Amino acid sequence: MKVRITNIDRDIDENERAMRRLETSAYVRDINGQIWQSALPPVYGQLQEDNRKLNVERQQQFVELDKLREQAKAVNRNLPIPKYTGIQRIMDETHAPVMGPSPAPTTAPATTNAANG
């Protein structure tokens, strides 16, 4: 959709350049040296109508793009993947947590009894 919007913008710019060329070529100088604007050719009106249609389509593309963004956000909210808690957990092929090996028991240092000794 972004590419289509870019293409629409390019088409609108091209139409506007063509319209400016038609406007500047419509000016004529009479025998007294005064400048007059002659009637614009019918293609000028067609270009205006094309730009109107392109602007409507451009707005529709933006609406569709917003809808797609909202759909993507909804999908992301419904994903079953939990947020990372900072603890790595081992999972089996069904994605069920697997208990890792238990830590080796620590032995308390031997205490000497000063009274026995």
Protein backbone atom coordinates (compact mmCIF):
# COMPACT_ATOMS: atom_id res chain seq x y z
CA MET A 1 0.00 0.00 0.00
CA LYS A 2 2.88 2.35 0.72
CA VAL A 3 4.17 1.75 -2.80
CA ARG A 4 0.72 2.52 -4.23
CA ILE A 5 0.54 5.74 -2.20
CA THR A 6 3.97 6.73 -3.50
CA ASN A 7 2.85 6.00 -7.07
CA ILE A 8 -0.30 8.07 -6.57
CA ASP A 9 1.78 10.98 -5.24
CA ARG A 10 4.04 10.73 -8.29
CA ASP A 11 1.04 10.71 -10.64
CA ILE A 12 -0.45 13.76 -8.92
CA ASP A 13 2.87 15.62 -9.25
CA GLU A 14 3.12 14.74 -12.94
CA ASN A 15 -0.44 15.96 -13.54
CA GLU A 16 0.24 19.22 -11.70
CA ARG A 17 3.39 19.84 -13.78
CA ALA A 18 1.41 19.21 -16.97
CA MET A 19 -1.32 21.59 -15.76
CA ARG A 20 1.26 24.32 -15.04
CA ARG A 21 2.70 23.87 -18.55
CA LEU A 22 -0.78 24.23 -20.02
CA GLU A 23 -1.43 27.33 -17.92
CA THR A 24 1.79 29.03 -19.01
CA SER A 25 1.23 28.16 -22.65
CA ALA A 26 -2.28 29.68 -22.49
CA TYR A 27 -0.91 33.21 -22.14
CA VAL A 28 -0.70 35.14 -25.39
CA ARG A 29 0.37 38.68 -26.28
CA ASP A 30 -1.85 40.75 -28.53
CA ILE A 31 -0.66 43.31 -31.09
CA ASN A 32 -0.68 46.05 -28.44
CA GLY A 33 1.67 44.07 -26.21
CA GLN A 34 -0.93 43.19 -23.61
CA ILE A 35 -0.94 39.67 -22.20
CA TRP A 36 -4.15 37.69 -22.26
CA GLN A 37 -4.97 34.24 -21.05
CA SER A 38 -6.65 32.11 -23.67
CA ALA A 39 -9.01 29.27 -22.84
CA LEU A 40 -7.38 26.23 -21.38
CA PRO A 41 -7.61 23.04 -23.45
CA PRO A 42 -10.03 20.27 -22.39
CA VAL A 43 -7.13 18.11 -21.25
CA TYR A 44 -6.62 20.58 -18.38
CA GLY A 45 -10.04 19.66 -16.98
CA GLN A 46 -9.27 15.99 -17.42
CA LEU A 47 -6.05 16.39 -15.44
CA GLN A 48 -7.94 18.18 -12.66
CA GLU A 49 -10.48 15.35 -12.53
CA ASP A 50 -7.69 12.75 -12.52
CA ASN A 51 -6.05 14.52 -9.57
CA ARG A 52 -9.36 14.61 -7.71
CA LYS A 53 -9.79 10.85 -8.22
CA LEU A 54 -6.17 10.18 -7.27
CA ASN A 55 -6.57 12.19 -4.05
CA VAL A 56 -9.67 10.17 -3.15
CA GLU A 57 -7.81 6.92 -3.83
CA ARG A 58 -4.84 8.16 -1.81
CA GLN A 59 -7.08 8.81 1.19
CA GLN A 60 -8.63 5.36 0.81
CA GLN A 61 -5.16 3.80 0.76
CA PHE A 62 -4.29 5.58 4.01
CA VAL A 63 -7.52 4.30 5.60
CA GLU A 64 -6.70 0.75 4.48
CA LEU A 65 -3.14 1.12 5.78
CA ASP A 66 -4.47 2.20 9.17
CA LYS A 67 -6.81 -0.81 9.21
CA LEU A 68 -3.91 -3.14 8.45
CA ARG A 69 -1.86 -1.59 11.26
CA GLU A 70 -4.73 -2.11 13.70
CA GLN A 71 -5.11 -5.71 12.56
CA ALA A 72 -1.39 -6.29 13.07
CA LYS A 73 -1.60 -4.84 16.57
CA ALA A 74 -4.58 -7.10 17.35
CA VAL A 75 -2.67 -10.15 16.12
CA ASN A 76 0.34 -9.21 18.24
CA ARG A 77 -1.88 -8.81 21.31
CA ASN A 78 -3.31 -12.30 20.79
CA LEU A 79 0.00 -14.08 20.33
CA PRO A 80 0.47 -16.84 22.90
CA ILE A 81 4.15 -16.09 23.39
CA PRO A 82 4.75 -14.80 26.91
CA LYS A 83 7.00 -11.87 27.53
CA TYR A 84 10.58 -12.72 28.39
CA THR A 85 10.89 -12.84 32.17
CA GLY A 86 14.66 -12.92 32.31
CA ILE A 87 14.73 -16.64 33.08
CA GLN A 88 15.50 -19.08 30.32
CA ARG A 89 13.27 -22.14 30.45
CA ILE A 90 13.83 -25.41 28.63
CA MET A 91 10.84 -26.67 26.63
CA ASP A 92 10.09 -29.96 24.92
CA GLU A 93 8.77 -30.37 21.38
CA THR A 94 5.21 -29.55 22.51
CA HIS A 95 6.49 -26.32 24.08
CA ALA A 96 5.78 -27.59 27.57
CA PRO A 97 8.31 -26.51 30.22
CA VAL A 98 10.84 -29.18 31.15
CA MET A 99 12.37 -29.26 34.57
CA GLY A 100 16.10 -28.90 34.32
CA PRO A 101 18.54 -30.86 36.47
CA SER A 102 18.29 -29.95 40.12
CA PRO A 103 21.30 -28.19 41.56
CA ALA A 104 23.81 -30.34 43.44
CA PRO A 105 23.26 -30.21 47.17
CA THR A 106 25.75 -28.12 49.01
CA THR A 107 27.40 -29.60 52.03
CA ALA A 108 27.87 -27.52 55.10
CA PRO A 109 31.48 -27.14 56.21
CA ALA A 110 32.40 -29.32 59.11
CA THR A 111 32.35 -27.43 62.34
CA THR A 112 34.77 -28.15 65.06
CA ASN A 113 33.70 -28.00 68.58
CA ALA A 114 36.26 -26.07 70.55
CA ALA A 115 35.02 -27.68 73.74
CA ASN A 116 35.62 -31.19 72.38
CA GLY A 117 38.91 -30.51 71.09
